[in-house]
Every structure is written in C-alpha cells, then in structure tokens.
PDB file of N, CA and C in Angstrom:
ATOM      1  N   MET A   1      53.508 -32.782 147.768  1.00  0.00           N
ATOM      2  CA  MET A   1      52.679 -33.952 147.734  1.00  0.00           C
ATOM      3  C   MET A   1      52.981 -34.697 146.445  1.00  0.00           C
ATOM      4  N   GLU A   2      53.027 -36.013 146.572  1.00  0.00           N
ATOM      5  CA  GLU A   2      53.326 -36.843 145.417  1.00  0.00           C
ATOM      6  C   GLU A   2      52.142 -37.762 145.122  1.00  0.00           C
ATOM      7  N   PHE A   3      51.768 -37.829 143.880  1.00  0.00           N
ATOM      8  CA  PHE A   3      50.701 -38.731 143.440  1.00  0.00           C
ATOM      9  C   PHE A   3      51.316 -39.764 142.515  1.00  0.00           C
ATOM     10  N   ARG A   4      50.953 -41.030 142.738  1.00  0.00           N
ATOM     11  CA  ARG A   4      51.402 -42.078 141.848  1.00  0.00           C
ATOM     12  C   ARG A   4      50.363 -43.185 141.833  1.00  0.00           C
ATOM     13  N   GLN A   5      50.421 -43.985 140.822  1.00  0.00           N
ATOM     14  CA  GLN A   5      49.479 -45.086 140.671  1.00  0.00           C
ATOM     15  C   GLN A   5      49.737 -46.133 141.739  1.00  0.00           C
ATOM     16  N   LEU A   6      48.670 -46.657 142.319  1.00  0.00           N
ATOM     17  CA  LEU A   6      48.786 -47.712 143.309  1.00  0.00           C
ATOM     18  C   LEU A   6      49.197 -49.009 142.618  1.00  0.00           C
ATOM     19  N   MET A   7      50.240 -49.597 143.136  1.00  0.00           N
ATOM     20  CA  MET A   7      50.738 -50.857 142.590  1.00  0.00           C
ATOM     21  C   MET A   7      50.303 -51.988 143.516  1.00  0.00           C
ATOM     22  N   LYS A   8      50.198 -53.200 142.975  1.00  0.00           N
ATOM     23  CA  LYS A   8      49.796 -54.349 143.783  1.00  0.00           C
ATOM     24  C   LYS A   8      50.689 -54.528 145.002  1.00  0.00           C
ATOM     25  N   LYS A   9      51.972 -54.249 144.864  1.00  0.00           N
ATOM     26  CA  LYS A   9      52.902 -54.426 145.975  1.00  0.00           C
ATOM     27  C   LYS A   9      52.626 -53.450 147.123  1.00  0.00           C
ATOM     28  N   ASN A  10      51.892 -52.364 146.859  1.00  0.00           N
ATOM     29  CA  ASN A  10      51.560 -51.375 147.881  1.00  0.00           C
ATOM     30  C   ASN A  10      50.151 -51.523 148.423  1.00  0.00           C
ATOM     31  N   ALA A  11      49.399 -52.488 147.925  1.00  0.00           N
ATOM     32  CA  ALA A  11      47.990 -52.618 148.286  1.00  0.00           C
ATOM     33  C   ALA A  11      47.801 -52.862 149.781  1.00  0.00           C
ATOM     34  N   LYS A  12      48.628 -53.698 150.397  1.00  0.00           N
ATOM     35  CA  LYS A  12      48.492 -53.994 151.820  1.00  0.00           C
ATOM     36  C   LYS A  12      48.750 -52.742 152.662  1.00  0.00           C
ATOM     37  N   GLU A  13      49.775 -51.976 152.328  1.00  0.00           N
ATOM     38  CA  GLU A  13      50.075 -50.736 153.051  1.00  0.00           C
ATOM     39  C   GLU A  13      48.933 -49.734 152.893  1.00  0.00           C
ATOM     40  N   PHE A  14      48.418 -49.606 151.685  1.00  0.00           N
ATOM     41  CA  PHE A  14      47.325 -48.673 151.421  1.00  0.00           C
ATOM     42  C   PHE A  14      46.080 -49.089 152.200  1.00  0.00           C
ATOM     43  N   SER A  15      45.791 -50.380 152.200  1.00  0.00           N
ATOM     44  CA  SER A  15      44.646 -50.886 152.944  1.00  0.00           C
ATOM     45  C   SER A  15      44.801 -50.578 154.432  1.00  0.00           C
ATOM     46  N   GLY A  16      45.999 -50.750 154.964  1.00  0.00           N
ATOM     47  CA  GLY A  16      46.261 -50.433 156.366  1.00  0.00           C
ATOM     48  C   GLY A  16      46.073 -48.955 156.665  1.00  0.00           C
ATOM     49  N   LEU A  17      46.500 -48.111 155.751  1.00  0.00           N
ATOM     50  CA  LEU A  17      46.322 -46.668 155.910  1.00  0.00           C
ATOM     51  C   LEU A  17      44.839 -46.303 155.966  1.00  0.00           C
ATOM     52  N   ILE A  18      44.064 -46.846 155.044  1.00  0.00           N
ATOM     53  CA  ILE A  18      42.625 -46.570 155.016  1.00  0.00           C
ATOM     54  C   ILE A  18      41.962 -47.076 156.291  1.00  0.00           C
ATOM     55  N   GLN A  19      42.322 -48.287 156.733  1.00  0.00           N
ATOM     56  CA  GLN A  19      41.736 -48.851 157.948  1.00  0.00           C
ATOM     57  C   GLN A  19      42.089 -48.000 159.158  1.00  0.00           C
ATOM     58  N   ASN A  20      43.328 -47.534 159.235  1.00  0.00           N
ATOM     59  CA  ASN A  20      43.761 -46.681 160.340  1.00  0.00           C
ATOM     60  C   ASN A  20      42.975 -45.370 160.360  1.00  0.00           C
ATOM     61  N   MET A  21      42.808 -44.762 159.198  1.00  0.00           N
ATOM     62  CA  MET A  21      42.037 -43.517 159.115  1.00  0.00           C
ATOM     63  C   MET A  21      40.592 -43.762 159.533  1.00  0.00           C
ATOM     64  N   TYR A  22      40.005 -44.841 159.046  1.00  0.00           N
ATOM     65  CA  TYR A  22      38.620 -45.193 159.356  1.00  0.00           C
ATOM     66  C   TYR A  22      38.440 -45.419 160.854  1.00  0.00           C
ATOM     67  N   ASN A  23      39.403 -46.081 161.490  1.00  0.00           N
ATOM     68  CA  ASN A  23      39.316 -46.355 162.928  1.00  0.00           C
ATOM     69  C   ASN A  23      39.422 -45.103 163.779  1.00  0.00           C
ATOM     70  N   ASN A  24      39.945 -44.018 163.223  1.00  0.00           N
ATOM     71  CA  ASN A  24      40.150 -42.800 163.997  1.00  0.00           C
ATOM     72  C   ASN A  24      39.191 -41.668 163.629  1.00  0.00           C
ATOM     73  N   LEU A  25      38.188 -41.948 162.811  1.00  0.00           N
ATOM     74  CA  LEU A  25      37.216 -40.923 162.462  1.00  0.00           C
ATOM     75  C   LEU A  25      36.256 -40.695 163.626  1.00  0.00           C
ATOM     76  N   GLU A  26      35.883 -39.448 163.835  1.00  0.00           N
ATOM     77  CA  GLU A  26      34.964 -39.131 164.916  1.00  0.00           C
ATOM     78  C   GLU A  26      33.529 -39.478 164.568  1.00  0.00           C
ATOM     79  N   ASN A  27      33.152 -39.317 163.311  1.00  0.00           N
ATOM     80  CA  ASN A  27      31.771 -39.573 162.907  1.00  0.00           C
ATOM     81  C   ASN A  27      31.751 -40.629 161.810  1.00  0.00           C
ATOM     82  N   LEU A  28      31.673 -41.890 162.199  1.00  0.00           N
ATOM     83  CA  LEU A  28      31.715 -42.983 161.230  1.00  0.00           C
ATOM     84  C   LEU A  28      30.462 -43.061 160.372  1.00  0.00           C
ATOM     85  N   GLU A  29      29.373 -42.440 160.793  1.00  0.00           N
ATOM     86  CA  GLU A  29      28.128 -42.498 160.025  1.00  0.00           C
ATOM     87  C   GLU A  29      28.304 -41.919 158.630  1.00  0.00           C
ATOM     88  N   TRP A  30      29.225 -40.990 158.465  1.00  0.00           N
ATOM     89  CA  TRP A  30      29.452 -40.374 157.150  1.00  0.00           C
ATOM     90  C   TRP A  30      30.035 -41.368 156.154  1.00  0.00           C
ATOM     91  N   PHE A  31      30.733 -42.389 156.642  1.00  0.00           N
ATOM     92  CA  PHE A  31      31.485 -43.286 155.775  1.00  0.00           C
ATOM     93  C   PHE A  31      31.039 -44.745 155.841  1.00  0.00           C
ATOM     94  N   SER A  32      30.036 -45.051 156.597  1.00  0.00           N
ATOM     95  CA  SER A  32      29.623 -46.450 156.774  1.00  0.00           C
ATOM     96  C   SER A  32      28.495 -46.803 155.835  1.00  0.00           C
ATOM     97  N   PRO A  33      28.408 -48.039 155.377  1.00  0.00           N
ATOM     98  CA  PRO A  33      29.433 -49.085 155.549  1.00  0.00           C
ATOM     99  C   PRO A  33      30.564 -48.904 154.548  1.00  0.00           C
ATOM    100  N   MET A  34      31.726 -49.373 154.920  1.00  0.00           N
ATOM    101  CA  MET A  34      32.862 -49.346 154.008  1.00  0.00           C
ATOM    102  C   MET A  34      32.612 -50.382 152.917  1.00  0.00           C
ATOM    103  N   PRO A  35      33.106 -50.141 151.701  1.00  0.00           N
ATOM    104  CA  PRO A  35      32.847 -51.077 150.600  1.00  0.00           C
ATOM    105  C   PRO A  35      33.254 -52.513 150.907  1.00  0.00           C
ATOM    106  N   TYR A  36      34.353 -52.707 151.631  1.00  0.00           N
ATOM    107  CA  TYR A  36      34.788 -54.071 151.935  1.00  0.00           C
ATOM    108  C   TYR A  36      33.932 -54.735 152.997  1.00  0.00           C
ATOM    109  N   GLU A  37      33.066 -53.967 153.674  1.00  0.00           N
ATOM    110  CA  GLU A  37      32.179 -54.540 154.685  1.00  0.00           C
ATOM    111  C   GLU A  37      30.891 -55.085 154.074  1.00  0.00           C
ATOM    112  N   LYS A  38      30.611 -54.704 152.841  1.00  0.00           N
ATOM    113  CA  LYS A  38      29.387 -55.158 152.177  1.00  0.00           C
ATOM    114  C   LYS A  38      29.511 -56.618 151.807  1.00  0.00           C
ATOM    115  N   LYS A  39      28.475 -57.361 152.021  1.00  0.00           N
ATOM    116  CA  LYS A  39      28.463 -58.783 151.674  1.00  0.00           C
ATOM    117  C   LYS A  39      27.649 -58.969 150.406  1.00  0.00           C
ATOM    118  N   GLY A  40      28.084 -59.895 149.578  1.00  0.00           N
ATOM    119  CA  GLY A  40      27.314 -60.220 148.396  1.00  0.00           C
ATOM    120  C   GLY A  40      27.871 -59.623 147.206  1.00  0.00           C
TER     121      GLY A  40
END
C-alpha cells in the first residue's frame, strides 16, 4: 500500500473514488450526510 499527499491534480479522481464508494455502501445512514451535501 502506498500513501502520498493528495495533490490538486488528483482531486477529481479522488472525488470520483469517494463518490463511487459512497454509491455502493449498503448502509448509507452511517455516513450521511456527506460533507459536500451540507448547505451553508
């Protein structure tokens, strides 16, 4: 496993990965609401 700092150029890919994982969770109640879903 490799750990590295997230760079701006990778932000879109990382966001897609998180969204994909979120869309495939069986129990969304554990993780809702996502920070980007909050308004204000």
